[in-house]
Amino acid sequence: MEDTRANMRAPHASLARRGLSLTVLALFLVGCAAQEAPPTAAPATAARTAAPATAAATAAATAAPTAAAAPQPAGNVILAKVPNAPPRATPSPRPPDVTAPPAPTPPAARVVPIYALWDTTTAGPGESKYNVDASVGCVKSSLFSRGMHIVWRMEFVDTATGKILQATDIRTVALKIPNGGDDVALRYGRHGATADAPWFWTAAWDVPPTWPLGLLNWSVNVVTTAGKAATITDHMAISSGALDNHVTIVP
């Protein structure tokens, strides 16, 4: 009896094992087909769906540095480099039949009681009452934008003695601003914290936001305690079209 039951179970077990083997083979074939089959429209749709997100992320990544960039300096850049500038043109040779112009004759030498050495510089951060800073502070310049704080630095020399005049040598000295601007008193002092820091006269003026553009024809009136008087102007200024080294107010 037991032998009969065993003989009856054997075919069923064989069929079960054969069915399991076929199932495994079928799954293997399906997997291979899935790997070798060309992509269907679904991945393309997914790619199209993801593309805007990728573009948005790229745009955000591009915009991020702009948003995180350091704030730009107020006012114009006073002096900037010009890369790849062309070389200066070589002047054409003078034709052989053209006579060279005569050399210029210098004017008669001036004799002045007081001589001044001076320059103008940009100010340090936060000195303008209009909250307009130069891109670089404390550098010599003749170009200033509206709202900037202009600093004059001066030394006065008595031409009779060669003495550089200090506070005890000068009775009055004031910077005259044209076009109805206020006069500015000059101050004599040390500029720096060390013992060898230079001493000189300074004046400062904030360019109003509505000030006319163009040349600033300032002057300084000085009277010494010895009774000598002089008006100091920019006697070395050059202005010829594009070439201009006057103190100039620019946009």
Protein backbone atom coordinates (compact mmCIF):
# COMPACT_ATOMS: atom_id res chain seq x y z
CA MET A 1 0.00 0.00 0.00
CA GLU A 2 2.74 2.43 0.93
CA ASP A 3 4.63 1.53 -2.24
CA THR A 4 1.56 2.34 -4.27
CA ARG A 5 1.19 5.78 -2.63
CA ALA A 6 4.89 6.54 -3.17
CA ASN A 7 4.58 5.59 -6.82
CA MET A 8 1.57 7.88 -7.14
CA ARG A 9 3.37 10.87 -5.47
CA ALA A 10 6.51 10.53 -7.63
CA PRO A 11 4.96 11.79 -10.90
CA HIS A 12 3.38 14.74 -9.04
CA ALA A 13 6.73 15.73 -7.47
CA SER A 14 8.44 15.45 -10.83
CA LEU A 15 5.81 17.66 -12.42
CA ALA A 16 6.16 20.21 -9.58
CA ARG A 17 9.92 20.33 -10.01
CA ARG A 18 9.53 20.68 -13.77
CA GLY A 19 6.97 23.48 -13.31
CA LEU A 20 9.30 25.35 -10.92
CA SER A 21 12.15 25.03 -13.40
CA LEU A 22 9.97 26.43 -16.19
CA THR A 23 8.88 29.31 -14.00
CA VAL A 24 12.50 30.22 -13.16
CA LEU A 25 13.45 29.98 -16.84
CA ALA A 26 10.54 32.19 -17.83
CA LEU A 27 11.50 34.85 -15.26
CA PHE A 28 15.14 34.76 -16.48
CA LEU A 29 14.04 35.22 -20.10
CA VAL A 30 11.75 38.13 -19.15
CA GLY A 31 14.63 39.80 -17.29
CA CYS A 32 16.99 39.43 -20.25
CA ALA A 33 14.35 40.79 -22.60
CA ALA A 34 13.82 43.79 -20.35
CA GLN A 35 17.57 44.53 -20.34
CA GLU A 36 17.95 44.18 -24.11
CA ALA A 37 14.69 45.86 -25.14
CA PRO A 38 14.93 49.49 -26.44
CA PRO A 39 13.57 52.18 -24.11
CA THR A 40 9.90 52.75 -24.36
CA ALA A 41 8.10 56.10 -24.32
CA ALA A 42 7.82 56.05 -20.54
CA PRO A 43 11.47 56.96 -19.84
CA ALA A 44 11.26 59.72 -22.48
CA THR A 45 8.15 61.08 -20.79
CA ALA A 46 9.92 60.95 -17.47
CA ALA A 47 12.89 62.74 -19.02
CA ARG A 48 10.60 65.42 -20.42
CA THR A 49 8.96 65.77 -17.05
CA ALA A 50 12.31 66.05 -15.28
CA ALA A 51 13.77 68.48 -17.83
CA PRO A 52 12.01 71.60 -16.49
CA ALA A 53 13.18 70.76 -13.01
CA THR A 54 16.74 70.40 -14.31
CA ALA A 55 16.47 73.69 -16.20
CA ALA A 56 15.09 75.40 -13.12
CA ALA A 57 17.91 74.00 -11.02
CA THR A 58 20.44 75.21 -13.62
CA ALA A 59 18.86 78.65 -13.66
CA ALA A 60 18.88 78.74 -9.87
CA ALA A 61 22.50 77.68 -9.81
CA THR A 62 23.32 80.40 -12.36
CA ALA A 63 21.42 83.05 -10.43
CA ALA A 64 22.84 82.03 -7.07
CA PRO A 65 26.30 83.60 -7.57
CA THR A 66 24.65 86.86 -8.67
CA ALA A 67 22.51 86.97 -5.58
CA ALA A 68 25.42 86.07 -3.34
CA ALA A 69 27.90 88.43 -5.01
CA ALA A 70 29.45 91.21 -2.96
CA PRO A 71 27.64 94.57 -3.25
CA GLN A 72 28.98 96.77 -5.99
CA PRO A 73 30.74 99.99 -4.94
CA ALA A 74 28.67 103.13 -5.15
CA GLY A 75 29.58 105.70 -7.76
CA ASN A 76 31.71 105.24 -10.84
CA VAL A 77 34.93 103.33 -11.02
CA ILE A 78 37.48 106.13 -10.84
CA LEU A 79 40.20 104.31 -12.75
CA ALA A 80 39.86 100.96 -14.51
CA LYS A 81 42.14 99.04 -16.82
CA VAL A 82 41.33 98.60 -20.52
CA PRO A 83 42.47 95.12 -21.61
CA ASN A 84 43.67 94.41 -25.12
CA ALA A 85 44.14 98.10 -25.84
CA PRO A 86 45.67 98.88 -29.24
CA PRO A 87 49.22 100.25 -29.25
CA ARG A 88 49.80 103.94 -29.71
CA ALA A 89 49.75 104.85 -33.39
CA THR A 90 53.10 105.68 -34.95
CA PRO A 91 53.05 109.25 -36.29
CA SER A 92 53.38 109.54 -40.03
CA PRO A 93 56.76 110.79 -41.22
CA ARG A 94 56.87 114.43 -42.23
CA PRO A 95 57.09 114.91 -46.00
CA PRO A 96 60.49 116.20 -47.09
CA ASP A 97 59.03 119.45 -48.47
CA VAL A 98 57.27 120.37 -45.18
CA THR A 99 59.16 122.52 -42.67
CA ALA A 100 58.97 121.56 -39.01
CA PRO A 101 57.09 124.06 -36.83
CA PRO A 102 59.22 126.24 -34.56
CA ALA A 103 59.77 125.07 -31.00
CA PRO A 104 57.36 126.70 -28.54
CA THR A 105 58.69 129.59 -26.49
CA PRO A 106 58.04 129.30 -22.75
CA PRO A 107 56.29 132.20 -21.05
CA ALA A 108 58.13 134.55 -18.76
CA ALA A 109 58.91 132.95 -15.42
CA ARG A 110 56.46 133.82 -12.68
CA VAL A 111 57.56 135.12 -9.33
CA VAL A 112 55.10 134.26 -6.55
CA PRO A 113 55.27 134.94 -2.82
CA ILE A 114 53.75 131.57 -1.92
CA TYR A 115 53.94 128.34 -3.84
CA ALA A 116 51.67 125.34 -3.18
CA LEU A 117 52.10 121.64 -3.76
CA TRP A 118 48.75 119.90 -3.86
CA ASP A 119 46.70 116.94 -5.04
CA THR A 120 43.18 115.58 -4.70
CA THR A 121 42.34 112.10 -3.47
CA THR A 122 39.34 109.87 -2.99
CA ALA A 123 38.07 109.46 0.55
CA GLY A 124 37.88 106.43 2.78
CA PRO A 125 34.68 104.41 3.22
CA GLY A 126 31.75 106.18 4.82
CA GLU A 127 33.13 109.73 4.71
CA SER A 128 30.59 111.19 2.28
CA LYS A 129 27.45 112.62 3.84
CA TYR A 130 25.63 111.43 0.72
CA ASN A 131 26.74 107.82 1.32
CA VAL A 132 28.63 107.59 -1.98
CA ASP A 133 32.07 105.95 -1.81
CA ALA A 134 34.76 105.64 -4.45
CA SER A 135 35.60 102.12 -5.58
CA VAL A 136 39.13 102.66 -4.20
CA GLY A 137 39.75 104.92 -1.23
CA CYS A 138 42.63 107.27 -0.44
CA VAL A 139 44.15 107.35 -3.93
CA LYS A 140 45.06 110.35 -6.07
CA SER A 141 42.46 111.19 -8.67
CA SER A 142 41.02 114.10 -10.60
CA LEU A 143 37.71 112.37 -11.44
CA PHE A 144 34.89 112.33 -8.90
CA SER A 145 31.22 111.37 -9.13
CA ARG A 146 28.36 113.27 -7.61
CA GLY A 147 28.00 112.46 -3.94
CA MET A 148 31.67 111.62 -3.43
CA HIS A 149 33.89 113.14 -0.77
CA ILE A 150 36.84 114.99 -2.37
CA VAL A 151 39.96 115.53 -0.27
CA TRP A 152 42.53 118.23 -1.05
CA ARG A 153 46.06 117.85 0.36
CA MET A 154 48.40 120.85 0.30
CA GLU A 155 51.74 122.24 1.35
CA PHE A 156 52.47 125.98 1.18
CA VAL A 157 56.00 127.26 0.68
CA ASP A 158 57.25 130.79 1.34
CA THR A 159 59.34 131.35 -1.78
CA ALA A 160 61.50 134.02 -0.08
CA THR A 161 62.69 131.73 2.68
CA GLY A 162 61.90 128.25 1.35
CA LYS A 163 59.96 127.50 4.54
CA ILE A 164 57.06 125.05 4.41
CA LEU A 165 54.33 126.96 6.22
CA GLN A 166 52.63 125.47 9.26
CA ALA A 167 49.58 126.48 11.27
CA THR A 168 51.47 129.25 13.12
CA ASP A 169 52.61 130.76 9.81
CA ILE A 170 49.20 131.19 8.16
CA ARG A 171 46.49 133.60 9.25
CA THR A 172 43.65 132.45 6.98
CA VAL A 173 43.32 129.83 4.27
CA ALA A 174 40.13 128.66 2.57
CA LEU A 175 39.14 126.56 -0.40
CA LYS A 176 36.80 128.42 -2.76
CA ILE A 177 34.20 126.25 -4.51
CA PRO A 178 32.82 127.75 -7.76
CA ASN A 179 29.18 128.06 -8.84
CA GLY A 180 28.04 129.37 -5.48
CA GLY A 181 29.51 126.57 -3.40
CA ASP A 182 30.47 127.14 0.21
CA ASP A 183 34.03 127.95 1.21
CA VAL A 184 35.89 125.22 3.05
CA ALA A 185 38.54 125.99 5.68
CA LEU A 186 41.82 124.08 5.45
CA ARG A 187 43.20 122.29 8.50
CA TYR A 188 46.83 121.60 9.31
CA GLY A 189 47.60 118.31 11.04
CA ARG A 190 49.40 115.00 11.12
CA HIS A 191 48.07 112.25 8.92
CA GLY A 192 48.97 108.92 10.42
CA ALA A 193 49.53 107.45 13.85
CA THR A 194 53.32 107.07 13.73
CA ALA A 195 55.91 109.66 14.70
CA ASP A 196 57.14 109.97 11.10
CA ALA A 197 53.65 110.51 9.64
CA PRO A 198 53.51 113.56 7.34
CA TRP A 199 51.95 116.89 8.29
CA PHE A 200 50.06 118.92 5.70
CA TRP A 201 46.95 120.99 5.05
CA THR A 202 43.68 119.34 4.09
CA ALA A 203 40.19 120.36 2.98
CA ALA A 204 37.25 118.16 2.06
CA TRP A 205 34.03 118.68 0.17
CA ASP A 206 31.05 116.46 -0.63
CA VAL A 207 29.86 116.86 -4.22
CA PRO A 208 26.09 117.52 -4.09
CA PRO A 209 23.93 115.07 -6.05
CA THR A 210 22.71 117.87 -8.36
CA TRP A 211 26.09 119.54 -8.90
CA PRO A 212 26.83 120.44 -12.56
CA LEU A 213 28.99 117.95 -14.40
CA GLY A 214 32.32 119.05 -15.79
CA LEU A 215 35.34 120.97 -14.52
CA LEU A 216 35.54 122.13 -10.93
CA ASN A 217 37.57 125.32 -11.09
CA TRP A 218 38.41 125.60 -7.41
CA SER A 219 40.92 128.00 -5.85
CA VAL A 220 42.54 128.54 -2.47
CA ASN A 221 43.07 131.95 -0.88
CA VAL A 222 45.88 132.05 1.67
CA VAL A 223 47.20 134.89 3.84
CA THR A 224 50.26 134.42 6.02
CA THR A 225 50.96 135.99 9.39
CA ALA A 226 53.75 137.96 7.66
CA GLY A 227 51.15 139.63 5.43
CA LYS A 228 51.80 137.69 2.22
CA ALA A 229 48.74 136.67 0.21
CA ALA A 230 48.21 134.39 -2.75
CA THR A 231 45.45 132.68 -4.71
CA ILE A 232 46.29 129.10 -5.58
CA THR A 233 44.71 127.50 -8.65
CA ASP A 234 45.32 124.40 -10.71
CA HIS A 235 48.04 126.06 -12.78
CA MET A 236 49.21 122.73 -14.27
CA ALA A 237 45.76 121.62 -15.46
CA ILE A 238 45.52 120.40 -19.03
CA SER A 239 42.28 120.49 -20.98
CA SER A 240 42.23 119.76 -24.70
CA GLY A 241 39.26 117.73 -25.84
CA ALA A 242 39.61 114.16 -24.58
CA LEU A 243 42.73 115.01 -22.55
CA ASP A 244 41.74 116.56 -19.24
CA ASN A 245 43.36 116.47 -15.82
CA HIS A 246 41.34 119.19 -14.13
CA VAL A 247 39.32 118.13 -11.13
CA THR A 248 36.23 116.96 -12.98
CA ILE A 249 32.78 115.88 -11.81
CA VAL A 250 31.53 112.88 -13.78
CA PRO A 251 28.20 111.00 -13.68
